[in-house]
Protein backbone atom coordinates (compact mmCIF):
# COMPACT_ATOMS: atom_id res chain seq x y z
CA MET A 1 -46.96 -83.63 -66.04
CA ILE A 2 -47.75 -80.36 -67.57
CA VAL A 3 -49.65 -77.73 -65.87
CA VAL A 4 -51.24 -75.00 -67.45
CA THR A 5 -53.19 -72.18 -66.20
CA GLY A 6 -54.02 -69.65 -68.12
CA GLY A 7 -57.91 -66.85 -68.32
CA PHE A 8 -59.56 -63.84 -69.50
CA VAL A 9 -61.70 -61.20 -67.92
CA ALA A 10 -64.92 -60.81 -69.56
CA ARG A 11 -66.50 -57.25 -70.67
CA PRO A 12 -68.91 -56.96 -68.48
CA ASP A 13 -71.66 -57.28 -72.06
CA SER A 14 -70.84 -60.85 -72.76
CA VAL A 15 -70.04 -62.34 -69.63
CA ASP A 16 -72.83 -64.61 -69.62
CA GLN A 17 -71.86 -65.78 -73.18
CA LEU A 18 -68.12 -66.42 -72.23
CA ALA A 19 -69.47 -68.38 -69.57
CA GLU A 20 -70.60 -70.93 -71.79
CA LEU A 21 -67.75 -70.61 -73.85
CA CYS A 22 -65.95 -71.42 -71.15
CA LEU A 23 -68.15 -74.43 -70.42
CA ALA A 24 -67.71 -76.19 -73.94
CA HIS A 25 -63.85 -75.86 -74.30
CA VAL A 26 -63.80 -77.64 -70.56
CA ARG A 27 -66.09 -80.33 -71.60
CA ARG A 28 -64.59 -81.06 -74.65
CA SER A 29 -61.04 -80.51 -73.53
CA ARG A 30 -61.85 -83.17 -70.75
CA THR A 31 -62.65 -86.01 -73.04
CA GLU A 32 -59.07 -85.53 -74.91
CA PRO A 33 -56.18 -87.79 -74.35
CA GLY A 34 -53.64 -86.98 -71.30
CA CYS A 35 -56.08 -84.93 -70.46
CA VAL A 36 -55.76 -85.82 -66.49
CA SER A 37 -57.70 -82.50 -65.19
CA HIS A 38 -59.38 -79.27 -67.01
CA GLY A 39 -61.61 -76.94 -64.81
CA VAL A 40 -62.77 -72.82 -65.32
CA HIS A 41 -63.03 -72.01 -62.17
CA ARG A 42 -65.12 -68.01 -61.40
CA ASP A 43 -63.34 -64.89 -59.48
CA VAL A 44 -65.39 -64.43 -56.24
CA GLU A 45 -63.47 -60.72 -56.76
CA ASP A 46 -64.09 -60.17 -59.32
CA PRO A 47 -66.82 -62.14 -61.12
CA LEU A 48 -65.57 -60.38 -65.01
CA ARG A 49 -62.19 -63.10 -64.31
CA PHE A 50 -62.66 -66.81 -65.79
CA THR A 51 -59.27 -68.77 -64.64
CA PHE A 52 -58.31 -72.24 -66.33
CA VAL A 53 -56.07 -74.85 -64.22
CA GLU A 54 -55.76 -77.55 -66.32
CA GLU A 55 -53.08 -80.83 -66.17
CA TRP A 56 -51.53 -82.58 -69.09
CA ALA A 57 -50.38 -86.48 -69.42
CA ASP A 58 -47.27 -84.49 -70.59
CA ARG A 59 -45.84 -82.37 -73.39
CA ASP A 60 -47.26 -84.84 -76.25
CA ALA A 61 -50.72 -84.16 -74.67
CA LEU A 62 -51.39 -80.23 -74.22
CA ALA A 63 -49.21 -80.09 -78.00
CA ALA A 64 -52.63 -82.43 -79.79
CA HIS A 65 -54.17 -80.52 -77.36
CA PHE A 66 -53.47 -77.40 -78.83
CA ALA A 67 -53.55 -78.75 -82.09
CA VAL A 68 -57.30 -79.58 -81.86
CA PRO A 69 -58.94 -76.90 -84.62
CA ALA A 70 -61.86 -76.02 -81.43
CA SER A 71 -59.22 -75.73 -79.24
CA ARG A 72 -57.93 -72.42 -81.69
CA GLU A 73 -60.96 -71.77 -82.05
CA PHE A 74 -62.36 -71.40 -78.79
CA VAL A 75 -59.00 -69.22 -77.99
CA ARG A 76 -60.26 -66.50 -80.69
CA ALA A 77 -64.25 -66.05 -79.92
CA ALA A 78 -62.59 -66.23 -76.38
CA THR A 79 -60.38 -63.05 -77.17
CA ALA A 80 -62.80 -61.59 -79.13
CA LEU A 81 -65.47 -61.58 -75.58
CA SER A 82 -62.86 -60.35 -73.33
CA ASP A 83 -61.01 -57.82 -72.92
CA GLY A 84 -58.53 -58.69 -75.32
CA GLN A 85 -55.65 -60.36 -73.50
CA SER A 86 -55.02 -64.06 -72.87
CA ARG A 87 -52.93 -65.05 -70.21
CA MET A 88 -51.18 -68.76 -70.08
CA THR A 89 -48.07 -70.10 -68.18
CA VAL A 90 -47.43 -73.64 -68.22
CA TYR A 91 -45.59 -75.57 -66.19
CA GLU A 92 -43.54 -79.16 -66.10
CA ALA A 93 -44.55 -80.23 -62.72
CA THR A 94 -43.56 -83.89 -60.75
CA PRO A 95 -45.84 -84.77 -58.19
CA ILE A 96 -44.87 -84.91 -54.72
CA ARG A 97 -46.53 -87.36 -52.01
CA VAL A 98 -47.16 -86.09 -48.79
CA PRO A 99 -48.06 -88.62 -46.41
């Protein structure tokens, strides 16, 4: 399983627009093959901060997601509405079953 975390810090004048853009991206991404989960969360201490947590079945599914033109357009548009810095970390994870 592949886990992706990342996010943006909105500019105060664009926070609502960025929220709408993020929600549309998440909803579209959830329909892609290999998407296990895809969510965006707003920080309760800093309402300008949006964090994504995604799970993908494998590297190929994530690579396909990155290749979707709408995904690239989302990053471009979100960066323009934010502080200009996108953050992303990709992990290869093995689930641990807890009794």
